[in-house]
Amino acid sequence: MFLLLLIIFSSTIVISFGFYVYYRYQYFKYAREKRQIKRELMKIKDTEYSNFLLHESEHYKSLKMWN
């Protein structure tokens, strides 16, 4: 009886550890994808901001020409 309980307890620990490793891997995979998406969005925002500054610079130069 003791041996049976020991086997059940040990197998439960091994299965729990397996789930822990699996879900930890899934979390880090999700976090890595989230960081990549965030970097891509920052690149897009930086590009949009650069385009805005370029447009405003051209607009400012055109206003200076008229004055």
PDB file of N, CA and C in Angstrom:
ATOM      1  N   MET A   1       0.817  -1.187   0.000  1.00  0.00           N
ATOM      2  CA  MET A   1       0.000   0.000   0.000  1.00  0.00           C
ATOM      3  C   MET A   1       0.870   1.264   0.000  1.00  0.00           C
ATOM      4  N   PHE A   2       1.901   1.245   0.838  1.00  0.00           N
ATOM      5  CA  PHE A   2       2.806   2.397   0.895  1.00  0.00           C
ATOM      6  C   PHE A   2       3.483   2.614  -0.446  1.00  0.00           C
ATOM      7  N   LEU A   3       3.904   1.538  -1.082  1.00  0.00           N
ATOM      8  CA  LEU A   3       4.573   1.633  -2.381  1.00  0.00           C
ATOM      9  C   LEU A   3       3.627   2.204  -3.430  1.00  0.00           C
ATOM     10  N   LEU A   4       2.380   1.812  -3.414  1.00  0.00           N
ATOM     11  CA  LEU A   4       1.389   2.326  -4.355  1.00  0.00           C
ATOM     12  C   LEU A   4       1.193   3.830  -4.155  1.00  0.00           C
ATOM     13  N   LEU A   5       1.054   4.275  -2.930  1.00  0.00           N
ATOM     14  CA  LEU A   5       0.914   5.704  -2.653  1.00  0.00           C
ATOM     15  C   LEU A   5       2.165   6.481  -3.059  1.00  0.00           C
ATOM     16  N   LEU A   6       3.321   5.913  -2.835  1.00  0.00           N
ATOM     17  CA  LEU A   6       4.577   6.553  -3.222  1.00  0.00           C
ATOM     18  C   LEU A   6       4.661   6.701  -4.741  1.00  0.00           C
ATOM     19  N   ILE A   7       4.235   5.701  -5.491  1.00  0.00           N
ATOM     20  CA  ILE A   7       4.241   5.760  -6.958  1.00  0.00           C
ATOM     21  C   ILE A   7       3.258   6.821  -7.443  1.00  0.00           C
ATOM     22  N   ILE A   8       2.069   6.858  -6.862  1.00  0.00           N
ATOM     23  CA  ILE A   8       1.070   7.859  -7.265  1.00  0.00           C
ATOM     24  C   ILE A   8       1.577   9.265  -6.959  1.00  0.00           C
ATOM     25  N   PHE A   9       2.129   9.458  -5.783  1.00  0.00           N
ATOM     26  CA  PHE A   9       2.647  10.766  -5.403  1.00  0.00           C
ATOM     27  C   PHE A   9       3.806  11.190  -6.310  1.00  0.00           C
ATOM     28  N   SER A  10       4.709  10.268  -6.589  1.00  0.00           N
ATOM     29  CA  SER A  10       5.861  10.573  -7.458  1.00  0.00           C
ATOM     30  C   SER A  10       5.412  10.902  -8.877  1.00  0.00           C
ATOM     31  N   SER A  11       4.460  10.136  -9.392  1.00  0.00           N
ATOM     32  CA  SER A  11       3.992  10.401 -10.751  1.00  0.00           C
ATOM     33  C   SER A  11       3.261  11.747 -10.814  1.00  0.00           C
ATOM     34  N   THR A  12       2.535  12.098  -9.757  1.00  0.00           N
ATOM     35  CA  THR A  12       1.865  13.401  -9.707  1.00  0.00           C
ATOM     36  C   THR A  12       2.895  14.529  -9.733  1.00  0.00           C
ATOM     37  N   ILE A  13       3.970  14.378  -9.000  1.00  0.00           N
ATOM     38  CA  ILE A  13       5.035  15.387  -8.988  1.00  0.00           C
ATOM     39  C   ILE A  13       5.684  15.500 -10.363  1.00  0.00           C
ATOM     40  N   VAL A  14       5.957  14.385 -11.006  1.00  0.00           N
ATOM     41  CA  VAL A  14       6.579  14.404 -12.337  1.00  0.00           C
ATOM     42  C   VAL A  14       5.648  15.050 -13.354  1.00  0.00           C
ATOM     43  N   ILE A  15       4.382  14.716 -13.321  1.00  0.00           N
ATOM     44  CA  ILE A  15       3.412  15.306 -14.257  1.00  0.00           C
ATOM     45  C   ILE A  15       3.273  16.805 -13.997  1.00  0.00           C
ATOM     46  N   SER A  16       3.222  17.201 -12.740  1.00  0.00           N
ATOM     47  CA  SER A  16       3.128  18.623 -12.402  1.00  0.00           C
ATOM     48  C   SER A  16       4.350  19.381 -12.895  1.00  0.00           C
ATOM     49  N   PHE A  17       5.519  18.813 -12.721  1.00  0.00           N
ATOM     50  CA  PHE A  17       6.739  19.448 -13.202  1.00  0.00           C
ATOM     51  C   PHE A  17       6.717  19.571 -14.729  1.00  0.00           C
ATOM     52  N   GLY A  18       6.212  18.548 -15.399  1.00  0.00           N
ATOM     53  CA  GLY A  18       6.098  18.602 -16.862  1.00  0.00           C
ATOM     54  C   GLY A  18       5.178  19.726 -17.307  1.00  0.00           C
ATOM     55  N   PHE A  19       4.038  19.878 -16.647  1.00  0.00           N
ATOM     56  CA  PHE A  19       3.134  20.982 -16.967  1.00  0.00           C
ATOM     57  C   PHE A  19       3.795  22.334 -16.691  1.00  0.00           C
ATOM     58  N   TYR A  20       4.527  22.415 -15.584  1.00  0.00           N
ATOM     59  CA  TYR A  20       5.219  23.655 -15.244  1.00  0.00           C
ATOM     60  C   TYR A  20       6.201  24.046 -16.338  1.00  0.00           C
ATOM     61  N   VAL A  21       7.006  23.111 -16.790  1.00  0.00           N
ATOM     62  CA  VAL A  21       7.988  23.385 -17.842  1.00  0.00           C
ATOM     63  C   VAL A  21       7.284  23.781 -19.135  1.00  0.00           C
ATOM     64  N   TYR A  22       6.228  23.080 -19.491  1.00  0.00           N
ATOM     65  CA  TYR A  22       5.493  23.372 -20.721  1.00  0.00           C
ATOM     66  C   TYR A  22       4.891  24.781 -20.690  1.00  0.00           C
ATOM     67  N   TYR A  23       4.206  25.107 -19.603  1.00  0.00           N
ATOM     68  CA  TYR A  23       3.570  26.420 -19.535  1.00  0.00           C
ATOM     69  C   TYR A  23       4.574  27.546 -19.388  1.00  0.00           C
ATOM     70  N   ARG A  24       5.690  27.286 -18.771  1.00  0.00           N
ATOM     71  CA  ARG A  24       6.757  28.291 -18.698  1.00  0.00           C
ATOM     72  C   ARG A  24       7.298  28.560 -20.098  1.00  0.00           C
ATOM     73  N   TYR A  25       7.506  27.505 -20.874  1.00  0.00           N
ATOM     74  CA  TYR A  25       7.959  27.664 -22.253  1.00  0.00           C
ATOM     75  C   TYR A  25       6.941  28.474 -23.065  1.00  0.00           C
ATOM     76  N   GLN A  26       5.663  28.153 -22.905  1.00  0.00           N
ATOM     77  CA  GLN A  26       4.616  28.877 -23.628  1.00  0.00           C
ATOM     78  C   GLN A  26       4.591  30.347 -23.221  1.00  0.00           C
ATOM     79  N   TYR A  27       4.775  30.663 -21.954  1.00  0.00           N
ATOM     80  CA  TYR A  27       4.775  32.038 -21.484  1.00  0.00           C
ATOM     81  C   TYR A  27       5.939  32.812 -22.090  1.00  0.00           C
ATOM     82  N   PHE A  28       7.141  32.229 -22.078  1.00  0.00           N
ATOM     83  CA  PHE A  28       8.295  32.932 -22.625  1.00  0.00           C
ATOM     84  C   PHE A  28       8.166  33.114 -24.135  1.00  0.00           C
ATOM     85  N   LYS A  29       7.554  32.157 -24.787  1.00  0.00           N
ATOM     86  CA  LYS A  29       7.300  32.296 -26.223  1.00  0.00           C
ATOM     87  C   LYS A  29       6.340  33.457 -26.475  1.00  0.00           C
ATOM     88  N   TYR A  30       5.273  33.548 -25.690  1.00  0.00           N
ATOM     89  CA  TYR A  30       4.309  34.633 -25.807  1.00  0.00           C
ATOM     90  C   TYR A  30       4.971  35.975 -25.488  1.00  0.00           C
ATOM     91  N   ALA A  31       5.784  36.023 -24.439  1.00  0.00           N
ATOM     92  CA  ALA A  31       6.454  37.275 -24.056  1.00  0.00           C
ATOM     93  C   ALA A  31       7.421  37.731 -25.152  1.00  0.00           C
ATOM     94  N   ARG A  32       8.122  36.790 -25.776  1.00  0.00           N
ATOM     95  CA  ARG A  32       9.048  37.126 -26.861  1.00  0.00           C
ATOM     96  C   ARG A  32       8.290  37.706 -28.054  1.00  0.00           C
ATOM     97  N   GLU A  33       7.163  37.095 -28.405  1.00  0.00           N
ATOM     98  CA  GLU A  33       6.348  37.614 -29.504  1.00  0.00           C
ATOM     99  C   GLU A  33       5.802  39.001 -29.180  1.00  0.00           C
ATOM    100  N   LYS A  34       5.403  39.201 -27.945  1.00  0.00           N
ATOM    101  CA  LYS A  34       4.870  40.497 -27.528  1.00  0.00           C
ATOM    102  C   LYS A  34       5.953  41.582 -27.624  1.00  0.00           C
ATOM    103  N   ARG A  35       7.183  41.253 -27.217  1.00  0.00           N
ATOM    104  CA  ARG A  35       8.289  42.213 -27.330  1.00  0.00           C
ATOM    105  C   ARG A  35       8.573  42.546 -28.787  1.00  0.00           C
ATOM    106  N   GLN A  36       8.535  41.549 -29.668  1.00  0.00           N
ATOM    107  CA  GLN A  36       8.779  41.797 -31.082  1.00  0.00           C
ATOM    108  C   GLN A  36       7.703  42.701 -31.672  1.00  0.00           C
ATOM    109  N   ILE A  37       6.457  42.466 -31.322  1.00  0.00           N
ATOM    110  CA  ILE A  37       5.365  43.305 -31.820  1.00  0.00           C
ATOM    111  C   ILE A  37       5.536  44.730 -31.306  1.00  0.00           C
ATOM    112  N   LYS A  38       5.915  44.865 -30.038  1.00  0.00           N
ATOM    113  CA  LYS A  38       6.113  46.195 -29.468  1.00  0.00           C
ATOM    114  C   LYS A  38       7.235  46.931 -30.197  1.00  0.00           C
ATOM    115  N   ARG A  39       8.331  46.223 -30.515  1.00  0.00           N
ATOM    116  CA  ARG A  39       9.432  46.844 -31.263  1.00  0.00           C
ATOM    117  C   ARG A  39       8.978  47.298 -32.646  1.00  0.00           C
ATOM    118  N   GLU A  40       8.189  46.466 -33.312  1.00  0.00           N
ATOM    119  CA  GLU A  40       7.683  46.834 -34.640  1.00  0.00           C
ATOM    120  C   GLU A  40       6.786  48.066 -34.554  1.00  0.00           C
ATOM    121  N   LEU A  41       5.936  48.122 -33.539  1.00  0.00           N
ATOM    122  CA  LEU A  41       5.078  49.291 -33.374  1.00  0.00           C
ATOM    123  C   LEU A  41       5.899  50.544 -33.092  1.00  0.00           C
ATOM    124  N   MET A  42       6.968  50.403 -32.308  1.00  0.00           N
ATOM    125  CA  MET A  42       7.831  51.559 -32.035  1.00  0.00           C
ATOM    126  C   MET A  42       8.514  52.035 -33.314  1.00  0.00           C
ATOM    127  N   LYS A  43       8.922  51.097 -34.177  1.00  0.00           N
ATOM    128  CA  LYS A  43       9.530  51.484 -35.454  1.00  0.00           C
ATOM    129  C   LYS A  43       8.525  52.256 -36.294  1.00  0.00           C
ATOM    130  N   ILE A  44       7.300  51.785 -36.318  1.00  0.00           N
ATOM    131  CA  ILE A  44       6.255  52.465 -37.094  1.00  0.00           C
ATOM    132  C   ILE A  44       5.999  53.855 -36.526  1.00  0.00           C
ATOM    133  N   LYS A  45       5.895  53.959 -35.199  1.00  0.00           N
ATOM    134  CA  LYS A  45       5.664  55.260 -34.581  1.00  0.00           C
ATOM    135  C   LYS A  45       6.825  56.209 -34.853  1.00  0.00           C
ATOM    136  N   ASP A  46       8.067  55.708 -34.764  1.00  0.00           N
ATOM    137  CA  ASP A  46       9.227  56.547 -35.040  1.00  0.00           C
ATOM    138  C   ASP A  46       9.210  57.028 -36.479  1.00  0.00           C
ATOM    139  N   THR A  47       8.839  56.152 -37.399  1.00  0.00           N
ATOM    140  CA  THR A  47       8.772  56.525 -38.811  1.00  0.00           C
ATOM    141  C   THR A  47       7.685  57.567 -39.032  1.00  0.00           C
ATOM    142  N   GLU A  48       6.538  57.380 -38.423  1.00  0.00           N
ATOM    143  CA  GLU A  48       5.456  58.356 -38.558  1.00  0.00           C
ATOM    144  C   GLU A  48       5.871  59.707 -37.986  1.00  0.00           C
ATOM    145  N   TYR A  49       6.560  59.692 -36.855  1.00  0.00           N
ATOM    146  CA  TYR A  49       6.998  60.936 -36.236  1.00  0.00           C
ATOM    147  C   TYR A  49       8.036  61.625 -37.117  1.00  0.00           C
ATOM    148  N   SER A  50       8.937  60.856 -37.691  1.00  0.00           N
ATOM    149  CA  SER A  50       9.932  61.435 -38.596  1.00  0.00           C
ATOM    150  C   SER A  50       9.261  62.057 -39.817  1.00  0.00           C
ATOM    151  N   ASN A  51       8.273  61.369 -40.355  1.00  0.00           N
ATOM    152  CA  ASN A  51       7.531  61.918 -41.497  1.00  0.00           C
ATOM    153  C   ASN A  51       6.794  63.193 -41.109  1.00  0.00           C
ATOM    154  N   PHE A  52       6.228  63.212 -39.925  1.00  0.00           N
ATOM    155  CA  PHE A  52       5.544  64.409 -39.446  1.00  0.00           C
ATOM    156  C   PHE A  52       6.514  65.578 -39.328  1.00  0.00           C
ATOM    157  N   LEU A  53       7.689  65.319 -38.737  1.00  0.00           N
ATOM    158  CA  LEU A  53       8.685  66.388 -38.599  1.00  0.00           C
ATOM    159  C   LEU A  53       9.154  66.883 -39.961  1.00  0.00           C
ATOM    160  N   LEU A  54       9.349  65.984 -40.902  1.00  0.00           N
ATOM    161  CA  LEU A  54       9.757  66.373 -42.248  1.00  0.00           C
ATOM    162  C   LEU A  54       8.676  67.234 -42.899  1.00  0.00           C
ATOM    163  N   HIS A  55       7.443  66.833 -42.767  1.00  0.00           N
ATOM    164  CA  HIS A  55       6.331  67.588 -43.336  1.00  0.00           C
ATOM    165  C   HIS A  55       6.239  68.981 -42.707  1.00  0.00           C
ATOM    166  N   GLU A  56       6.361  69.048 -41.400  1.00  0.00           N
ATOM    167  CA  GLU A  56       6.296  70.337 -40.717  1.00  0.00           C
ATOM    168  C   GLU A  56       7.486  71.220 -41.088  1.00  0.00           C
ATOM    169  N   SER A  57       8.636  70.622 -41.272  1.00  0.00           N
ATOM    170  CA  SER A  57       9.812  71.384 -41.688  1.00  0.00           C
ATOM    171  C   SER A  57       9.590  71.997 -43.068  1.00  0.00           C
ATOM    172  N   GLU A  58       9.046  71.203 -43.978  1.00  0.00           N
ATOM    173  CA  GLU A  58       8.752  71.713 -45.320  1.00  0.00           C
ATOM    174  C   GLU A  58       7.686  72.809 -45.253  1.00  0.00           C
ATOM    175  N   HIS A  59       6.712  72.605 -44.424  1.00  0.00           N
ATOM    176  CA  HIS A  59       5.653  73.599 -44.264  1.00  0.00           C
ATOM    177  C   HIS A  59       6.226  74.903 -43.695  1.00  0.00           C
ATOM    178  N   TYR A  60       7.106  74.795 -42.709  1.00  0.00           N
ATOM    179  CA  TYR A  60       7.729  75.968 -42.100  1.00  0.00           C
ATOM    180  C   TYR A  60       8.602  76.711 -43.114  1.00  0.00           C
ATOM    181  N   LYS A  61       9.334  75.950 -43.931  1.00  0.00           N
ATOM    182  CA  LYS A  61      10.180  76.571 -44.964  1.00  0.00           C
ATOM    183  C   LYS A  61       9.320  77.309 -45.984  1.00  0.00           C
ATOM    184  N   SER A  62       8.200  76.725 -46.348  1.00  0.00           N
ATOM    185  CA  SER A  62       7.324  77.379 -47.329  1.00  0.00           C
ATOM    186  C   SER A  62       6.723  78.673 -46.732  1.00  0.00           C
ATOM    187  N   LEU A  63       6.432  78.660 -45.428  1.00  0.00           N
ATOM    188  CA  LEU A  63       5.930  79.882 -44.796  1.00  0.00           C
ATOM    189  C   LEU A  63       7.011  80.952 -44.728  1.00  0.00           C
ATOM    190  N   LYS A  64       8.242  80.548 -44.531  1.00  0.00           N
ATOM    191  CA  LYS A  64       9.355  81.503 -44.474  1.00  0.00           C
ATOM    192  C   LYS A  64       9.567  82.151 -45.830  1.00  0.00           C
ATOM    193  N   MET A  65       9.347  81.385 -46.880  1.00  0.00           N
ATOM    194  CA  MET A  65       9.569  81.927 -48.231  1.00  0.00           C
ATOM    195  C   MET A  65       8.570  83.026 -48.526  1.00  0.00           C
ATOM    196  N   TRP A  66       7.369  82.925 -48.007  1.00  0.00           N
ATOM    197  CA  TRP A  66       6.353  83.924 -48.278  1.00  0.00           C
ATOM    198  C   TRP A  66       6.540  85.190 -47.450  1.00  0.00           C
ATOM    199  N   ASN A  67       7.289  85.102 -46.388  1.00  0.00           N
ATOM    200  CA  ASN A  67       7.506  86.292 -45.537  1.00  0.00           C
ATOM    201  C   ASN A  67       8.692  87.068 -45.940  1.00  0.00           C
TER     202      ASN A  67
END
